[in-house]
Amino acid sequence: MAANLTPQYLEAEKRLKSAKTPQERLEIMQEMMALMPKHKATEKLQAGLKAKISKLKEEIERQPAAKHGGVSHLIPKQGAGQVAVIGAPNAGKSLLIKALTGADPEVGEYAFTTRVPAPYMMKFKNVRLQLLDLPPMTAELMESWQIELVKIADAALMVVDLADPEGPSQVEALAAKLKEKRIEFVREDFVPPETEEIGPVVFRKRAYLIGNKSDLDAGGENLEMLRMFFAEKWTIVPVSAETGQGIEELKAAIFGLLHVIRVYSKAPGKKVDLSEPFSLRRGSTVIEAARAVHKDFAEKLNYAKLWRKDIFTGQMVNREQTLEDEDVLEFHI
């Protein structure tokens, strides 16, 4: 099967050869990953490029600050996925992250309490998701490194203050400015097109619009205003980081936003350990799960048995069997 690499991908590949700095190479590699057609013929190419990106990130992180222009804002991904949390000053991002993760980011009543990006881990059932708290972003105020972090993230939360009547206009202006930077927020059910579009790559990120401080919007007028403007573009989730209203529901929604599934591996004759799932992208197959467990499993796999609630009870399945959330696999090599 031919890889059918697009002209845009091949052009980025040429630019990679002339890149002079590790950061420049990283940005081009990430662009190549976004441009690469996703099908069976490119699986090895995808895996190789992902490995190079991971190695380059580690190399950049190890470099002294003076060698690459100051403090590095690169945040390595951890857990089942990385979600960028953005919003205007005093939208309550840090307090929201505290409510979701139990961590203790600096929270203040003054603007710009958050000055550097900070990762926090949120636990949902038996998986951990990484929330990335970014300094305030508005249409007039955003750093180039903030834009790059949003491009790299798997999804995003746009946090707006429901007590602020200017909230809707701030959201509209910020989304428009990010679109100029080739970042477009889309609904949680967005599915990338099978064929790559002609022109510059657009980084489409599944996103929720989080209406924070719902406790200060007693009559719900500001929430209705958000829905009037943006309900067709994004799902709007009202919460109160202060009172905890809607926080547990938001955790489940964030897990769904990432389009990942939990898959468990068990040894023949042993009980399955449900505390440590493998996180895979939605639509992954048996062979991709085997590769996540260990590369030898994928190379030497003879067959696998699958357990899926009331549908499969240890039946033998082929390598291309599509997996669902909480499937259990027994690999035979």
Protein backbone atom coordinates (compact mmCIF):
# COMPACT_ATOMS: atom_id res chain seq x y z
CA MET A 1 0.00 0.00 0.00
CA ALA A 2 1.44 3.39 -1.00
CA ALA A 3 2.00 6.04 1.64
CA ASN A 4 0.61 8.78 -0.67
CA LEU A 5 2.45 11.58 1.12
CA THR A 6 1.05 15.00 0.28
CA PRO A 7 3.04 17.77 -1.44
CA GLN A 8 2.76 19.79 1.80
CA TYR A 9 4.39 16.94 3.75
CA LEU A 10 7.20 16.59 1.23
CA GLU A 11 7.82 20.34 1.31
CA ALA A 12 8.07 20.24 5.14
CA GLU A 13 10.47 17.30 4.83
CA LYS A 14 12.74 19.44 2.62
CA ARG A 15 12.64 22.30 5.13
CA LEU A 16 13.63 19.88 7.89
CA LYS A 17 16.92 19.16 6.15
CA SER A 18 17.91 22.83 6.30
CA ALA A 19 16.65 23.52 9.85
CA LYS A 20 19.42 25.01 11.99
CA THR A 21 18.16 24.68 15.60
CA PRO A 22 16.58 21.82 17.60
CA GLN A 23 13.48 23.95 18.24
CA GLU A 24 13.07 24.63 14.52
CA ARG A 25 13.44 20.92 13.74
CA LEU A 26 10.86 20.08 16.42
CA GLU A 27 8.29 22.50 15.00
CA ILE A 28 8.76 21.13 11.47
CA MET A 29 8.51 17.51 12.68
CA GLN A 30 5.26 18.33 14.50
CA GLU A 31 3.95 19.92 11.30
CA MET A 32 4.94 16.78 9.37
CA MET A 33 3.05 14.61 11.86
CA ALA A 34 -0.06 16.75 11.40
CA LEU A 35 0.28 16.58 7.59
CA MET A 36 0.97 12.84 7.37
CA PRO A 37 -1.95 10.73 6.06
CA LYS A 38 -3.10 8.37 8.80
CA HIS A 39 -3.52 4.84 7.40
CA LYS A 40 -1.87 1.43 7.56
CA ALA A 41 0.80 2.23 4.97
CA THR A 42 2.18 5.08 7.10
CA GLU A 43 2.16 3.29 10.48
CA LYS A 44 5.93 2.70 10.53
CA LEU A 45 6.57 6.23 9.28
CA GLN A 46 4.33 7.64 12.03
CA ALA A 47 6.06 5.54 14.69
CA GLY A 48 9.51 6.61 13.50
CA LEU A 49 8.57 10.29 13.43
CA LYS A 50 7.00 10.09 16.90
CA ALA A 51 10.19 8.53 18.24
CA LYS A 52 12.29 11.31 16.69
CA ILE A 53 10.00 13.98 18.15
CA SER A 54 10.20 12.40 21.60
CA LYS A 55 14.00 12.17 21.44
CA LEU A 56 14.31 15.76 20.23
CA LYS A 57 12.07 17.04 23.05
CA GLU A 58 14.32 15.29 25.57
CA GLU A 59 17.39 16.82 23.90
CA ILE A 60 15.89 20.32 24.08
CA GLU A 61 14.94 19.87 27.74
CA ARG A 62 18.51 18.78 28.62
CA GLN A 63 20.08 21.84 27.03
CA PRO A 64 21.14 24.68 29.37
CA ALA A 65 18.86 27.70 29.07
CA ALA A 66 21.62 29.87 27.63
CA LYS A 67 22.00 27.58 24.64
CA HIS A 68 18.46 27.95 23.39
CA GLY A 69 17.44 31.46 24.25
CA GLY A 70 16.32 31.33 27.87
CA VAL A 71 13.84 29.28 29.84
CA SER A 72 12.28 26.40 27.92
CA HIS A 73 8.48 26.42 27.84
CA LEU A 74 8.29 22.95 26.37
CA ILE A 75 6.11 20.68 28.55
CA PRO A 76 6.56 16.94 27.88
CA LYS A 77 3.26 15.10 27.59
CA GLN A 78 2.30 12.67 30.34
CA GLY A 79 -0.69 10.44 30.97
CA ALA A 80 -3.43 9.66 28.48
CA GLY A 81 -3.38 13.10 26.88
CA GLN A 82 -2.51 16.78 27.28
CA VAL A 83 -5.19 19.49 27.50
CA ALA A 84 -4.26 23.19 27.26
CA VAL A 85 -6.29 25.40 29.60
CA ILE A 86 -6.54 28.95 28.30
CA GLY A 87 -8.51 32.06 29.13
CA ALA A 88 -8.46 35.77 29.86
CA PRO A 89 -7.04 37.25 33.10
CA ASN A 90 -9.09 36.34 36.20
CA ALA A 91 -11.19 33.75 34.35
CA GLY A 92 -10.41 31.35 37.21
CA LYS A 93 -8.21 28.88 35.31
CA SER A 94 -5.89 28.08 38.20
CA LEU A 95 -8.74 27.60 40.67
CA LEU A 96 -10.47 25.34 38.14
CA ILE A 97 -7.30 23.23 37.77
CA LYS A 98 -7.05 23.02 41.56
CA ALA A 99 -10.64 21.73 41.71
CA LEU A 100 -9.99 19.18 38.94
CA THR A 101 -6.63 17.88 40.12
CA GLY A 102 -6.35 18.54 43.83
CA ALA A 103 -3.03 20.25 43.12
CA ASP A 104 -2.20 23.66 44.54
CA PRO A 105 -1.33 26.10 41.74
CA GLU A 106 -0.88 29.72 42.76
CA VAL A 107 -4.30 31.35 42.88
CA GLY A 108 -4.83 35.08 43.33
CA GLU A 109 -7.48 37.76 42.99
CA TYR A 110 -5.17 39.78 40.76
CA ALA A 111 -4.56 39.32 37.05
CA PHE A 112 -1.58 37.33 35.72
CA THR A 113 -1.12 35.16 38.80
CA THR A 114 -0.04 32.42 36.38
CA ARG A 115 3.17 33.58 34.70
CA VAL A 116 4.67 30.39 33.27
CA PRO A 117 3.07 27.21 31.89
CA ALA A 118 2.55 24.54 34.54
CA PRO A 119 1.41 20.91 34.09
CA TYR A 120 -0.96 19.20 36.56
CA MET A 121 -2.28 15.65 36.51
CA MET A 122 -6.01 14.98 36.74
CA LYS A 123 -7.19 11.51 37.70
CA PHE A 124 -10.31 10.15 36.03
CA LYS A 125 -11.24 6.67 37.19
CA ASN A 126 -8.04 4.69 36.54
CA VAL A 127 -6.28 7.03 34.10
CA ARG A 128 -4.38 10.28 34.50
CA LEU A 129 -4.73 13.24 32.15
CA GLN A 130 -2.40 16.23 31.94
CA LEU A 131 -3.87 19.72 32.25
CA LEU A 132 -1.59 22.54 31.12
CA ASP A 133 -2.22 25.82 32.93
CA LEU A 134 -1.14 28.64 30.60
CA PRO A 135 -0.68 32.32 31.48
CA PRO A 136 -3.64 34.51 30.50
CA MET A 137 -4.32 34.77 26.78
CA THR A 138 -6.36 37.40 24.97
CA ALA A 139 -6.51 38.56 21.37
CA GLU A 140 -4.11 41.36 22.31
CA LEU A 141 -1.87 39.35 24.61
CA MET A 142 -0.34 36.04 23.60
CA GLU A 143 3.24 34.86 23.33
CA SER A 144 4.55 32.79 20.43
CA TRP A 145 5.46 29.94 22.80
CA GLN A 146 1.87 29.88 24.11
CA ILE A 147 0.63 29.40 20.56
CA GLU A 148 3.09 26.53 20.03
CA LEU A 149 1.98 24.82 23.24
CA VAL A 150 -1.65 24.96 22.12
CA LYS A 151 -0.65 23.49 18.75
CA ILE A 152 1.13 20.60 20.45
CA ALA A 153 -1.65 19.86 22.97
CA ASP A 154 -4.21 17.13 22.24
CA ALA A 155 -7.23 19.28 23.15
CA ALA A 156 -8.14 22.55 24.85
CA LEU A 157 -10.41 24.14 27.43
CA MET A 158 -11.35 27.79 26.92
CA VAL A 159 -12.30 29.21 30.31
CA VAL A 160 -14.56 32.27 30.48
CA ASP A 161 -15.80 34.15 33.55
CA LEU A 162 -19.60 33.91 33.71
CA ALA A 163 -19.63 36.95 35.99
CA ASP A 164 -17.95 39.08 33.33
CA PRO A 165 -20.36 40.59 30.77
CA GLU A 166 -17.41 41.02 28.39
CA GLY A 167 -16.78 37.25 28.39
CA PRO A 168 -18.46 36.46 25.04
CA SER A 169 -16.58 39.19 23.17
CA GLN A 170 -13.28 38.03 24.74
CA VAL A 171 -13.91 34.47 23.58
CA GLU A 172 -14.83 35.55 20.06
CA ALA A 173 -11.74 37.78 19.73
CA LEU A 174 -9.37 35.14 21.15
CA ALA A 175 -10.72 32.40 18.85
CA ALA A 176 -10.39 34.71 15.85
CA LYS A 177 -6.78 35.61 16.72
CA LEU A 178 -5.84 31.96 17.21
CA LYS A 179 -7.40 31.13 13.86
CA GLU A 180 -5.03 33.67 12.31
CA LYS A 181 -2.23 31.62 13.90
CA ARG A 182 -3.62 28.44 12.24
CA ILE A 183 -5.30 27.11 15.40
CA GLU A 184 -8.99 26.32 15.15
CA PHE A 185 -11.09 25.01 18.03
CA VAL A 186 -13.67 22.42 16.97
CA ARG A 187 -16.40 20.39 18.66
CA GLU A 188 -15.63 17.24 20.62
CA ASP A 189 -17.09 14.99 17.89
CA PHE A 190 -14.82 16.41 15.17
CA VAL A 191 -13.24 13.76 12.95
CA PRO A 192 -10.21 14.79 10.84
CA PRO A 193 -10.74 14.45 7.07
CA GLU A 194 -9.27 11.35 5.46
CA THR A 195 -7.54 13.42 2.77
CA GLU A 196 -5.26 16.32 3.63
CA GLU A 197 -6.42 19.80 2.66
CA ILE A 198 -4.50 21.97 0.23
CA GLY A 199 -2.70 24.93 1.76
CA PRO A 200 -1.02 25.67 5.11
CA VAL A 201 -1.71 23.11 7.83
CA VAL A 202 -4.45 24.07 10.30
CA PHE A 203 -4.14 22.75 13.86
CA ARG A 204 -7.69 21.77 14.75
CA LYS A 205 -8.14 21.12 18.45
CA ARG A 206 -11.22 19.59 20.02
CA ALA A 207 -12.31 22.00 22.73
CA TYR A 208 -14.94 22.84 25.33
CA LEU A 209 -15.99 26.33 26.31
CA ILE A 210 -15.98 26.31 30.12
CA GLY A 211 -18.30 28.84 31.75
CA ASN A 212 -16.59 29.23 35.15
CA LYS A 213 -17.99 30.99 38.23
CA SER A 214 -21.54 29.77 37.55
CA ASP A 215 -22.28 30.50 41.22
CA LEU A 216 -21.94 34.23 40.40
CA ASP A 217 -24.39 33.97 37.48
CA ALA A 218 -27.43 33.32 39.66
CA GLY A 219 -30.04 34.00 37.00
CA GLY A 220 -28.10 32.24 34.26
CA GLU A 221 -28.30 35.26 31.94
CA ASN A 222 -24.61 35.25 31.06
CA LEU A 223 -24.64 31.49 30.42
CA GLU A 224 -27.57 31.96 28.03
CA MET A 225 -25.61 34.71 26.30
CA LEU A 226 -22.69 32.32 25.77
CA ARG A 227 -25.05 29.71 24.37
CA MET A 228 -26.63 32.23 22.04
CA PHE A 229 -23.26 33.10 20.53
CA PHE A 230 -21.35 29.83 20.63
CA ALA A 231 -23.61 26.77 21.09
CA GLU A 232 -23.25 25.83 17.42
CA LYS A 233 -19.44 26.03 17.55
CA TRP A 234 -18.62 24.35 20.85
CA THR A 235 -20.19 22.50 23.74
CA ILE A 236 -20.53 24.89 26.68
CA VAL A 237 -19.92 23.43 30.14
CA PRO A 238 -20.96 25.55 33.15
CA VAL A 239 -18.99 24.93 36.36
CA SER A 240 -18.02 26.61 39.59
CA ALA A 241 -14.45 25.96 40.67
CA GLU A 242 -15.31 27.72 43.93
CA THR A 243 -18.26 25.52 44.94
CA GLY A 244 -17.38 22.36 43.00
CA GLN A 245 -20.55 22.47 40.90
CA GLY A 246 -20.10 20.46 37.68
CA ILE A 247 -16.50 19.45 38.41
CA GLU A 248 -17.02 15.67 38.36
CA GLU A 249 -19.05 15.91 35.17
CA LEU A 250 -16.28 18.00 33.61
CA LYS A 251 -13.68 15.32 34.41
CA ALA A 252 -15.67 12.76 32.42
CA ALA A 253 -16.16 15.27 29.61
CA ILE A 254 -12.40 15.96 29.38
CA PHE A 255 -11.71 12.23 29.09
CA GLY A 256 -14.21 12.07 26.22
CA LEU A 257 -12.65 15.13 24.59
CA LEU A 258 -9.33 13.31 24.18
CA HIS A 259 -10.82 10.46 22.12
CA VAL A 260 -8.81 7.81 23.96
CA ILE A 261 -9.76 4.35 25.16
CA ARG A 262 -8.52 2.20 28.04
CA VAL A 263 -7.30 -1.28 27.13
CA TYR A 264 -6.12 -3.92 29.61
CA SER A 265 -3.57 -6.65 28.98
CA LYS A 266 -3.66 -9.97 30.84
CA ALA A 267 -1.30 -12.91 30.88
CA PRO A 268 -2.73 -16.34 29.94
CA GLY A 269 -4.26 -18.00 32.98
CA LYS A 270 -3.99 -14.86 35.11
CA LYS A 271 -6.56 -12.35 36.33
CA VAL A 272 -6.66 -8.97 34.64
CA ASP A 273 -5.29 -5.94 36.53
CA LEU A 274 -7.86 -3.17 36.03
CA SER A 275 -5.78 -0.54 37.80
CA GLU A 276 -3.23 0.02 35.01
CA PRO A 277 -4.81 0.37 31.56
CA PHE A 278 -2.99 1.26 28.37
CA SER A 279 -4.30 4.49 26.84
CA LEU A 280 -4.79 4.31 23.07
CA ARG A 281 -6.43 6.59 20.56
CA ARG A 282 -10.03 5.78 19.69
CA GLY A 283 -10.16 3.39 16.71
CA SER A 284 -6.93 1.58 17.64
CA THR A 285 -6.54 -2.09 16.70
CA VAL A 286 -5.22 -5.21 18.39
CA ILE A 287 -1.79 -4.86 16.76
CA GLU A 288 -1.51 -1.25 17.94
CA ALA A 289 -2.34 -2.35 21.48
CA ALA A 290 0.31 -5.07 21.25
CA ARG A 291 2.85 -2.47 20.15
CA ALA A 292 1.92 -0.27 23.14
CA VAL A 293 2.55 -3.16 25.54
CA HIS A 294 5.91 -4.11 24.02
CA LYS A 295 7.37 -3.97 20.54
CA ASP A 296 8.16 -7.71 20.73
CA PHE A 297 4.46 -8.44 21.19
CA ALA A 298 3.66 -6.73 17.90
CA GLU A 299 6.51 -8.42 16.03
CA LYS A 300 5.88 -11.94 17.37
CA LEU A 301 2.11 -11.92 17.87
CA ASN A 302 0.41 -15.16 16.80
CA TYR A 303 -3.10 -14.29 17.96
CA ALA A 304 -5.01 -12.50 20.71
CA LYS A 305 -8.09 -13.23 22.80
CA LEU A 306 -10.58 -10.48 23.54
CA TRP A 307 -12.98 -9.87 26.42
CA ARG A 308 -15.58 -7.10 25.96
CA LYS A 309 -18.35 -6.91 28.53
CA ASP A 310 -21.20 -9.11 27.25
CA ILE A 311 -20.01 -9.31 23.62
CA PHE A 312 -16.67 -11.15 23.66
CA THR A 313 -15.64 -13.68 26.30
CA GLY A 314 -12.15 -14.71 25.31
CA GLN A 315 -12.73 -15.16 21.59
CA MET A 316 -9.76 -15.24 19.24
CA VAL A 317 -9.54 -12.05 17.17
CA ASN A 318 -7.32 -10.89 14.32
CA ARG A 319 -4.72 -8.14 14.35
CA GLU A 320 -7.02 -5.58 12.74
CA GLN A 321 -9.87 -5.96 15.24
CA THR A 322 -10.93 -2.48 16.36
CA LEU A 323 -10.88 -1.99 20.12
CA GLU A 324 -13.29 -0.22 22.46
CA ASP A 325 -12.96 1.36 25.87
CA GLU A 326 -12.19 -1.16 28.65
CA ASP A 327 -11.47 -4.10 26.33
CA VAL A 328 -9.27 -6.84 27.80
CA LEU A 329 -6.66 -8.54 25.59
CA GLU A 330 -4.62 -11.68 26.09
CA PHE A 331 -1.65 -11.81 23.71
CA HIS A 332 -0.18 -15.10 22.49
CA ILE A 333 3.29 -14.96 20.92
